[in-house]
């Protein structure tokens, strides 16, 4: 696996764990916690949402998806 891909996968996993620990978080919380751009945060959150791991019941707020 390429280095950039590994970093991205690690960051996405860390974001999932961050949401899991903190409950509902905002996109801004993710940007500040991981020192990433809003676009990168949105892309990573979309990956998690696509895989049914997180959900956004209110625009800009994220929580773990209930299964």
N, C-alpha and C. Protein backbone atom coordinates (compact mmCIF):
# COMPACT_ATOMS: atom_id res chain seq x y z
N UNK A 1 0.84 -1.18 0.00
CA UNK A 1 0.00 0.00 0.00
C UNK A 1 0.88 1.25 0.00
N UNK A 2 0.45 2.24 -0.72
CA UNK A 2 1.22 3.47 -0.78
C UNK A 2 1.13 4.23 0.53
N UNK A 3 2.13 5.02 0.80
CA UNK A 3 2.21 5.78 2.04
C UNK A 3 1.01 6.72 2.22
N UNK A 4 0.60 7.43 1.16
CA UNK A 4 -0.53 8.36 1.26
C UNK A 4 -1.82 7.60 1.56
N UNK A 5 -1.97 6.44 0.96
CA UNK A 5 -3.17 5.61 1.20
C UNK A 5 -3.20 5.14 2.64
N UNK A 6 -2.07 4.71 3.15
CA UNK A 6 -2.00 4.27 4.55
C UNK A 6 -2.37 5.40 5.50
N UNK A 7 -1.86 6.60 5.23
CA UNK A 7 -2.17 7.76 6.07
C UNK A 7 -3.66 8.06 6.05
N UNK A 8 -4.25 8.00 4.86
CA UNK A 8 -5.68 8.29 4.73
C UNK A 8 -6.50 7.24 5.47
N UNK A 9 -6.18 5.98 5.32
CA UNK A 9 -6.93 4.93 6.00
C UNK A 9 -6.78 5.03 7.52
N UNK A 10 -5.60 5.35 7.97
CA UNK A 10 -5.37 5.53 9.41
C UNK A 10 -6.18 6.72 9.92
N UNK A 11 -6.19 7.81 9.17
CA UNK A 11 -6.94 9.00 9.58
C UNK A 11 -8.44 8.71 9.62
N UNK A 12 -8.96 8.01 8.62
CA UNK A 12 -10.39 7.68 8.60
C UNK A 12 -10.74 6.81 9.80
N UNK A 13 -9.89 5.84 10.11
CA UNK A 13 -10.12 4.99 11.29
C UNK A 13 -10.08 5.83 12.56
N UNK A 14 -9.12 6.74 12.65
CA UNK A 14 -9.00 7.59 13.83
C UNK A 14 -10.22 8.52 13.97
N UNK A 15 -10.73 9.01 12.86
CA UNK A 15 -11.93 9.86 12.91
C UNK A 15 -13.11 9.04 13.41
N UNK A 16 -13.25 7.82 12.94
CA UNK A 16 -14.32 6.94 13.42
C UNK A 16 -14.21 6.73 14.93
N UNK A 17 -13.02 6.47 15.41
CA UNK A 17 -12.81 6.25 16.84
C UNK A 17 -13.09 7.54 17.63
N UNK A 18 -12.72 8.68 17.08
CA UNK A 18 -12.99 9.98 17.71
C UNK A 18 -14.49 10.21 17.87
N UNK A 19 -15.24 9.92 16.82
CA UNK A 19 -16.70 10.07 16.89
C UNK A 19 -17.27 9.07 17.90
N UNK A 20 -16.75 7.87 17.89
CA UNK A 20 -17.21 6.83 18.82
C UNK A 20 -17.02 7.26 20.27
N UNK A 21 -15.88 7.87 20.56
CA UNK A 21 -15.58 8.31 21.93
C UNK A 21 -16.39 9.53 22.35
N UNK A 22 -16.65 10.43 21.39
CA UNK A 22 -17.24 11.73 21.74
C UNK A 22 -18.73 11.86 21.44
N UNK A 23 -19.33 10.85 20.85
CA UNK A 23 -20.75 10.96 20.51
C UNK A 23 -20.92 11.79 19.25
N UNK A 24 -21.79 12.76 19.28
CA UNK A 24 -22.02 13.62 18.13
C UNK A 24 -20.93 14.68 18.05
N UNK A 25 -20.32 14.80 16.87
CA UNK A 25 -19.29 15.82 16.65
C UNK A 25 -19.63 16.58 15.38
N UNK A 26 -19.06 17.76 15.25
CA UNK A 26 -19.27 18.55 14.05
C UNK A 26 -18.09 18.36 13.10
N UNK A 27 -18.32 18.73 11.85
CA UNK A 27 -17.24 18.69 10.87
C UNK A 27 -16.10 19.59 11.35
N UNK A 28 -16.44 20.73 11.94
CA UNK A 28 -15.42 21.65 12.46
C UNK A 28 -14.60 20.99 13.57
N UNK A 29 -15.24 20.19 14.44
CA UNK A 29 -14.51 19.45 15.47
C UNK A 29 -13.46 18.55 14.85
N UNK A 30 -13.85 17.86 13.79
CA UNK A 30 -12.95 16.93 13.10
C UNK A 30 -11.78 17.70 12.47
N UNK A 31 -12.09 18.82 11.82
CA UNK A 31 -11.06 19.66 11.21
C UNK A 31 -10.04 20.08 12.25
N UNK A 32 -10.51 20.56 13.39
CA UNK A 32 -9.60 21.05 14.44
C UNK A 32 -8.83 19.91 15.11
N UNK A 33 -9.50 18.81 15.40
CA UNK A 33 -8.85 17.69 16.09
C UNK A 33 -7.75 17.06 15.25
N UNK A 34 -7.96 16.95 13.95
CA UNK A 34 -7.01 16.25 13.09
C UNK A 34 -6.16 17.18 12.24
N UNK A 35 -6.35 18.49 12.42
CA UNK A 35 -5.56 19.50 11.70
C UNK A 35 -5.58 19.23 10.19
N UNK A 36 -6.80 19.10 9.65
CA UNK A 36 -6.99 18.86 8.23
C UNK A 36 -7.92 19.94 7.67
N UNK A 37 -7.99 20.03 6.36
CA UNK A 37 -8.87 21.01 5.74
C UNK A 37 -10.32 20.55 5.84
N UNK A 38 -11.25 21.49 5.75
CA UNK A 38 -12.66 21.09 5.76
C UNK A 38 -13.00 20.12 4.63
N UNK A 39 -12.38 20.30 3.47
CA UNK A 39 -12.64 19.39 2.34
C UNK A 39 -12.16 17.97 2.64
N UNK A 40 -10.99 17.84 3.25
CA UNK A 40 -10.47 16.52 3.62
C UNK A 40 -11.37 15.88 4.67
N UNK A 41 -11.79 16.66 5.65
CA UNK A 41 -12.69 16.13 6.68
C UNK A 41 -13.98 15.63 6.05
N UNK A 42 -14.55 16.42 5.15
CA UNK A 42 -15.80 16.02 4.51
C UNK A 42 -15.61 14.74 3.69
N UNK A 43 -14.52 14.65 2.97
CA UNK A 43 -14.22 13.46 2.18
C UNK A 43 -14.11 12.22 3.07
N UNK A 44 -13.38 12.36 4.18
CA UNK A 44 -13.22 11.22 5.11
C UNK A 44 -14.55 10.84 5.75
N UNK A 45 -15.34 11.83 6.13
CA UNK A 45 -16.65 11.54 6.72
C UNK A 45 -17.58 10.89 5.71
N UNK A 46 -17.49 11.30 4.46
CA UNK A 46 -18.29 10.68 3.41
C UNK A 46 -17.92 9.22 3.21
N UNK A 47 -16.64 8.89 3.34
CA UNK A 47 -16.21 7.49 3.26
C UNK A 47 -16.87 6.69 4.37
N UNK A 48 -16.84 7.23 5.59
CA UNK A 48 -17.47 6.54 6.72
C UNK A 48 -18.97 6.42 6.53
N UNK A 49 -19.59 7.47 6.01
CA UNK A 49 -21.04 7.43 5.80
C UNK A 49 -21.40 6.43 4.70
N UNK A 50 -20.63 6.40 3.63
CA UNK A 50 -20.87 5.47 2.53
C UNK A 50 -20.83 4.02 3.02
N UNK A 51 -19.97 3.76 3.99
CA UNK A 51 -19.83 2.41 4.55
C UNK A 51 -20.74 2.17 5.74
N UNK A 52 -21.72 3.04 5.93
CA UNK A 52 -22.72 2.92 7.00
C UNK A 52 -22.12 2.86 8.40
N UNK A 53 -21.01 3.57 8.59
CA UNK A 53 -20.37 3.61 9.90
C UNK A 53 -20.77 4.84 10.70
N UNK A 54 -21.02 5.93 9.99
CA UNK A 54 -21.49 7.15 10.65
C UNK A 54 -22.70 7.68 9.89
N UNK A 55 -23.44 8.56 10.55
CA UNK A 55 -24.58 9.19 9.93
C UNK A 55 -24.59 10.66 10.32
N UNK A 56 -25.24 11.45 9.49
CA UNK A 56 -25.35 12.89 9.76
C UNK A 56 -26.83 13.25 9.83
N UNK A 57 -27.42 13.14 11.04
CA UNK A 57 -28.85 13.44 11.17
C UNK A 57 -29.16 14.93 10.98
N UNK A 58 -28.18 15.77 11.25
CA UNK A 58 -28.31 17.22 11.06
C UNK A 58 -27.07 17.67 10.28
N UNK A 59 -27.27 18.50 9.31
CA UNK A 59 -26.15 18.94 8.48
C UNK A 59 -24.96 19.42 9.33
N UNK A 60 -23.79 18.83 9.06
CA UNK A 60 -22.57 19.24 9.76
C UNK A 60 -22.34 18.55 11.09
N UNK A 61 -23.26 17.68 11.52
CA UNK A 61 -23.08 16.94 12.76
C UNK A 61 -23.05 15.46 12.43
N UNK A 62 -22.16 14.74 13.09
CA UNK A 62 -21.92 13.35 12.77
C UNK A 62 -21.98 12.50 14.03
N UNK A 63 -22.50 11.28 13.85
CA UNK A 63 -22.55 10.33 14.96
C UNK A 63 -22.42 8.92 14.39
N UNK A 64 -22.10 7.97 15.27
CA UNK A 64 -21.98 6.58 14.85
C UNK A 64 -23.35 6.09 14.38
N UNK A 65 -23.36 5.37 13.28
CA UNK A 65 -24.62 4.83 12.76
C UNK A 65 -25.09 3.68 13.63
N UNK A 66 -26.37 3.64 13.87
CA UNK A 66 -26.95 2.54 14.65
C UNK A 66 -27.28 1.41 13.70
N UNK A 67 -26.87 0.22 14.07
CA UNK A 67 -27.13 -0.94 13.21
C UNK A 67 -28.16 -1.83 13.83
